[in-house]
Amino acid sequence: MSKFSGFKLAIILTSFIAVFYLGLSGKFALLEFFELKTLEMRFKIRGEI
């Protein structure tokens, strides 16, 4: 029984770490996406002017 609970705890810990890393990479990807969009908008505005 103790082995099973330890296994469960390990799974929970690994899933938390995976979610944490995915969240971090997702945040960076979103930042890059927004930077690209703002650059696009700037170029469009410059092109219109």
PDB file of N, CA and C in Angstrom:
ATOM      1  N   MET A   1       0.833  -1.198   0.000  1.00  0.00           N
ATOM      2  CA  MET A   1       0.000   0.000   0.000  1.00  0.00           C
ATOM      3  C   MET A   1       0.873   1.255   0.000  1.00  0.00           C
ATOM      4  N   SER A   2       1.947   1.231   0.791  1.00  0.00           N
ATOM      5  CA  SER A   2       2.821   2.408   0.856  1.00  0.00           C
ATOM      6  C   SER A   2       3.515   2.630  -0.487  1.00  0.00           C
ATOM      7  N   LYS A   3       3.856   1.523  -1.165  1.00  0.00           N
ATOM      8  CA  LYS A   3       4.480   1.652  -2.485  1.00  0.00           C
ATOM      9  C   LYS A   3       3.530   2.354  -3.455  1.00  0.00           C
ATOM     10  N   PHE A   4       2.266   1.957  -3.414  1.00  0.00           N
ATOM     11  CA  PHE A   4       1.271   2.535  -4.319  1.00  0.00           C
ATOM     12  C   PHE A   4       1.113   4.030  -4.073  1.00  0.00           C
ATOM     13  N   SER A   5       1.032   4.438  -2.795  1.00  0.00           N
ATOM     14  CA  SER A   5       0.859   5.864  -2.479  1.00  0.00           C
ATOM     15  C   SER A   5       2.089   6.655  -2.926  1.00  0.00           C
ATOM     16  N   GLY A   6       3.280   6.070  -2.767  1.00  0.00           N
ATOM     17  CA  GLY A   6       4.498   6.744  -3.216  1.00  0.00           C
ATOM     18  C   GLY A   6       4.486   6.910  -4.730  1.00  0.00           C
ATOM     19  N   PHE A   7       4.033   5.871  -5.425  1.00  0.00           N
ATOM     20  CA  PHE A   7       3.928   5.930  -6.885  1.00  0.00           C
ATOM     21  C   PHE A   7       2.969   7.037  -7.305  1.00  0.00           C
ATOM     22  N   LYS A   8       1.832   7.113  -6.604  1.00  0.00           N
ATOM     23  CA  LYS A   8       0.824   8.137  -6.884  1.00  0.00           C
ATOM     24  C   LYS A   8       1.429   9.528  -6.688  1.00  0.00           C
ATOM     25  N   LEU A   9       2.162   9.696  -5.579  1.00  0.00           N
ATOM     26  CA  LEU A   9       2.786  10.979  -5.265  1.00  0.00           C
ATOM     27  C   LEU A   9       3.779  11.362  -6.357  1.00  0.00           C
ATOM     28  N   ALA A  10       4.556  10.388  -6.837  1.00  0.00           N
ATOM     29  CA  ALA A  10       5.529  10.655  -7.892  1.00  0.00           C
ATOM     30  C   ALA A  10       4.819  11.118  -9.161  1.00  0.00           C
ATOM     31  N   ILE A  11       3.715  10.469  -9.499  1.00  0.00           N
ATOM     32  CA  ILE A  11       2.954  10.852 -10.697  1.00  0.00           C
ATOM     33  C   ILE A  11       2.434  12.276 -10.556  1.00  0.00           C
ATOM     34  N   ILE A  12       1.894  12.594  -9.372  1.00  0.00           N
ATOM     35  CA  ILE A  12       1.364  13.945  -9.145  1.00  0.00           C
ATOM     36  C   ILE A  12       2.481  14.976  -9.269  1.00  0.00           C
ATOM     37  N   LEU A  13       3.640  14.681  -8.668  1.00  0.00           N
ATOM     38  CA  LEU A  13       4.774  15.618  -8.722  1.00  0.00           C
ATOM     39  C   LEU A  13       5.231  15.836 -10.159  1.00  0.00           C
ATOM     40  N   THR A  14       5.386  14.746 -10.914  1.00  0.00           N
ATOM     41  CA  THR A  14       5.847  14.882 -12.295  1.00  0.00           C
ATOM     42  C   THR A  14       4.839  15.648 -13.142  1.00  0.00           C
ATOM     43  N   SER A  15       3.549  15.410 -12.898  1.00  0.00           N
ATOM     44  CA  SER A  15       2.530  16.132 -13.672  1.00  0.00           C
ATOM     45  C   SER A  15       2.571  17.619 -13.338  1.00  0.00           C
ATOM     46  N   PHE A  16       2.788  17.957 -12.052  1.00  0.00           N
ATOM     47  CA  PHE A  16       2.884  19.364 -11.664  1.00  0.00           C
ATOM     48  C   PHE A  16       4.077  20.022 -12.348  1.00  0.00           C
ATOM     49  N   ILE A  17       5.225  19.322 -12.353  1.00  0.00           N
ATOM     50  CA  ILE A  17       6.427  19.873 -12.989  1.00  0.00           C
ATOM     51  C   ILE A  17       6.184  20.064 -14.481  1.00  0.00           C
ATOM     52  N   ALA A  18       5.552  19.076 -15.121  1.00  0.00           N
ATOM     53  CA  ALA A  18       5.275  19.173 -16.555  1.00  0.00           C
ATOM     54  C   ALA A  18       4.370  20.364 -16.846  1.00  0.00           C
ATOM     55  N   VAL A  19       3.320  20.522 -16.049  1.00  0.00           N
ATOM     56  CA  VAL A  19       2.396  21.645 -16.244  1.00  0.00           C
ATOM     57  C   VAL A  19       3.125  22.969 -16.047  1.00  0.00           C
ATOM     58  N   PHE A  20       4.001  23.020 -15.037  1.00  0.00           N
ATOM     59  CA  PHE A  20       4.759  24.241 -14.753  1.00  0.00           C
ATOM     60  C   PHE A  20       5.632  24.618 -15.948  1.00  0.00           C
ATOM     61  N   TYR A  21       6.385  23.627 -16.477  1.00  0.00           N
ATOM     62  CA  TYR A  21       7.253  23.902 -17.621  1.00  0.00           C
ATOM     63  C   TYR A  21       6.445  24.289 -18.854  1.00  0.00           C
ATOM     64  N   LEU A  22       5.328  23.605 -19.079  1.00  0.00           N
ATOM     65  CA  LEU A  22       4.479  23.933 -20.226  1.00  0.00           C
ATOM     66  C   LEU A  22       3.946  25.349 -20.091  1.00  0.00           C
ATOM     67  N   GLY A  23       3.557  25.719 -18.870  1.00  0.00           N
ATOM     68  CA  GLY A  23       3.047  27.066 -18.634  1.00  0.00           C
ATOM     69  C   GLY A  23       4.108  28.113 -18.932  1.00  0.00           C
ATOM     70  N   LEU A  24       5.343  27.845 -18.490  1.00  0.00           N
ATOM     71  CA  LEU A  24       6.433  28.793 -18.730  1.00  0.00           C
ATOM     72  C   LEU A  24       6.691  28.938 -20.225  1.00  0.00           C
ATOM     73  N   SER A  25       6.817  27.808 -20.937  1.00  0.00           N
ATOM     74  CA  SER A  25       7.081  27.872 -22.374  1.00  0.00           C
ATOM     75  C   SER A  25       5.910  28.522 -23.096  1.00  0.00           C
ATOM     76  N   GLY A  26       4.690  28.247 -22.646  1.00  0.00           N
ATOM     77  CA  GLY A  26       3.515  28.862 -23.260  1.00  0.00           C
ATOM     78  C   GLY A  26       3.527  30.365 -23.077  1.00  0.00           C
ATOM     79  N   LYS A  27       3.949  30.806 -21.886  1.00  0.00           N
ATOM     80  CA  LYS A  27       3.999  32.238 -21.603  1.00  0.00           C
ATOM     81  C   LYS A  27       5.001  32.907 -22.540  1.00  0.00           C
ATOM     82  N   PHE A  28       6.184  32.289 -22.702  1.00  0.00           N
ATOM     83  CA  PHE A  28       7.200  32.861 -23.582  1.00  0.00           C
ATOM     84  C   PHE A  28       6.716  32.888 -25.030  1.00  0.00           C
ATOM     85  N   ALA A  29       6.027  31.828 -25.453  1.00  0.00           N
ATOM     86  CA  ALA A  29       5.505  31.779 -26.818  1.00  0.00           C
ATOM     87  C   ALA A  29       4.485  32.896 -27.025  1.00  0.00           C
ATOM     88  N   LEU A  30       3.625  33.117 -26.021  1.00  0.00           N
ATOM     89  CA  LEU A  30       2.631  34.188 -26.115  1.00  0.00           C
ATOM     90  C   LEU A  30       3.314  35.542 -26.213  1.00  0.00           C
ATOM     91  N   LEU A  31       4.359  35.749 -25.408  1.00  0.00           N
ATOM     92  CA  LEU A  31       5.091  37.020 -25.444  1.00  0.00           C
ATOM     93  C   LEU A  31       5.688  37.232 -26.829  1.00  0.00           C
ATOM     94  N   GLU A  32       6.309  36.191 -27.382  1.00  0.00           N
ATOM     95  CA  GLU A  32       6.895  36.305 -28.722  1.00  0.00           C
ATOM     96  C   GLU A  32       5.816  36.619 -29.748  1.00  0.00           C
ATOM     97  N   PHE A  33       4.667  35.955 -29.632  1.00  0.00           N
ATOM     98  CA  PHE A  33       3.559  36.173 -30.566  1.00  0.00           C
ATOM     99  C   PHE A  33       3.088  37.620 -30.506  1.00  0.00           C
ATOM    100  N   PHE A  34       2.929  38.153 -29.284  1.00  0.00           N
ATOM    101  CA  PHE A  34       2.467  39.536 -29.143  1.00  0.00           C
ATOM    102  C   PHE A  34       3.507  40.508 -29.683  1.00  0.00           C
ATOM    103  N   GLU A  35       4.800  40.217 -29.457  1.00  0.00           N
ATOM    104  CA  GLU A  35       5.858  41.076 -29.985  1.00  0.00           C
ATOM    105  C   GLU A  35       5.789  41.102 -31.507  1.00  0.00           C
ATOM    106  N   LEU A  36       5.600  39.929 -32.119  1.00  0.00           N
ATOM    107  CA  LEU A  36       5.496  39.863 -33.577  1.00  0.00           C
ATOM    108  C   LEU A  36       4.291  40.660 -34.061  1.00  0.00           C
ATOM    109  N   LYS A  37       3.163  40.534 -33.370  1.00  0.00           N
ATOM    110  CA  LYS A  37       1.947  41.250 -33.771  1.00  0.00           C
ATOM    111  C   LYS A  37       2.145  42.758 -33.670  1.00  0.00           C
ATOM    112  N   THR A  38       2.779  43.226 -32.584  1.00  0.00           N
ATOM    113  CA  THR A  38       2.996  44.670 -32.439  1.00  0.00           C
ATOM    114  C   THR A  38       3.941  45.164 -33.527  1.00  0.00           C
ATOM    115  N   LEU A  39       4.951  44.385 -33.858  1.00  0.00           N
ATOM    116  CA  LEU A  39       5.865  44.773 -34.936  1.00  0.00           C
ATOM    117  C   LEU A  39       5.101  44.852 -36.249  1.00  0.00           C
ATOM    118  N   GLU A  40       4.225  43.871 -36.485  1.00  0.00           N
ATOM    119  CA  GLU A  40       3.409  43.859 -37.699  1.00  0.00           C
ATOM    120  C   GLU A  40       2.560  45.122 -37.776  1.00  0.00           C
ATOM    121  N   MET A  41       1.910  45.460 -36.677  1.00  0.00           N
ATOM    122  CA  MET A  41       1.052  46.650 -36.642  1.00  0.00           C
ATOM    123  C   MET A  41       1.874  47.910 -36.917  1.00  0.00           C
ATOM    124  N   ARG A  42       3.055  47.994 -36.326  1.00  0.00           N
ATOM    125  CA  ARG A  42       3.914  49.163 -36.547  1.00  0.00           C
ATOM    126  C   ARG A  42       4.254  49.298 -38.028  1.00  0.00           C
ATOM    127  N   PHE A  43       4.626  48.181 -38.645  1.00  0.00           N
ATOM    128  CA  PHE A  43       4.979  48.233 -40.066  1.00  0.00           C
ATOM    129  C   PHE A  43       3.768  48.619 -40.911  1.00  0.00           C
ATOM    130  N   LYS A  44       2.594  48.111 -40.542  1.00  0.00           N
ATOM    131  CA  LYS A  44       1.372  48.448 -41.283  1.00  0.00           C
ATOM    132  C   LYS A  44       1.088  49.939 -41.166  1.00  0.00           C
ATOM    133  N   ILE A  45       1.210  50.472 -39.944  1.00  0.00           N
ATOM    134  CA  ILE A  45       0.947  51.901 -39.736  1.00  0.00           C
ATOM    135  C   ILE A  45       1.953  52.727 -40.535  1.00  0.00           C
ATOM    136  N   ARG A  46       3.206  52.332 -40.492  1.00  0.00           N
ATOM    137  CA  ARG A  46       4.237  53.055 -41.254  1.00  0.00           C
ATOM    138  C   ARG A  46       3.938  52.989 -42.745  1.00  0.00           C
ATOM    139  N   GLY A  47       3.493  51.807 -43.194  1.00  0.00           N
ATOM    140  CA  GLY A  47       3.189  51.647 -44.613  1.00  0.00           C
ATOM    141  C   GLY A  47       2.023  52.532 -45.028  1.00  0.00           C
ATOM    142  N   GLU A  48       1.008  52.642 -44.161  1.00  0.00           N
ATOM    143  CA  GLU A  48      -0.155  53.469 -44.470  1.00  0.00           C
ATOM    144  C   GLU A  48       0.232  54.947 -44.490  1.00  0.00           C
ATOM    145  N   ILE A  49       1.107  55.342 -43.552  1.00  0.00           N
ATOM    146  CA  ILE A  49       1.529  56.743 -43.506  1.00  0.00           C
ATOM    147  C   ILE A  49       2.511  56.955 -44.651  1.00  0.00           C
TER     148      ILE A  49
END
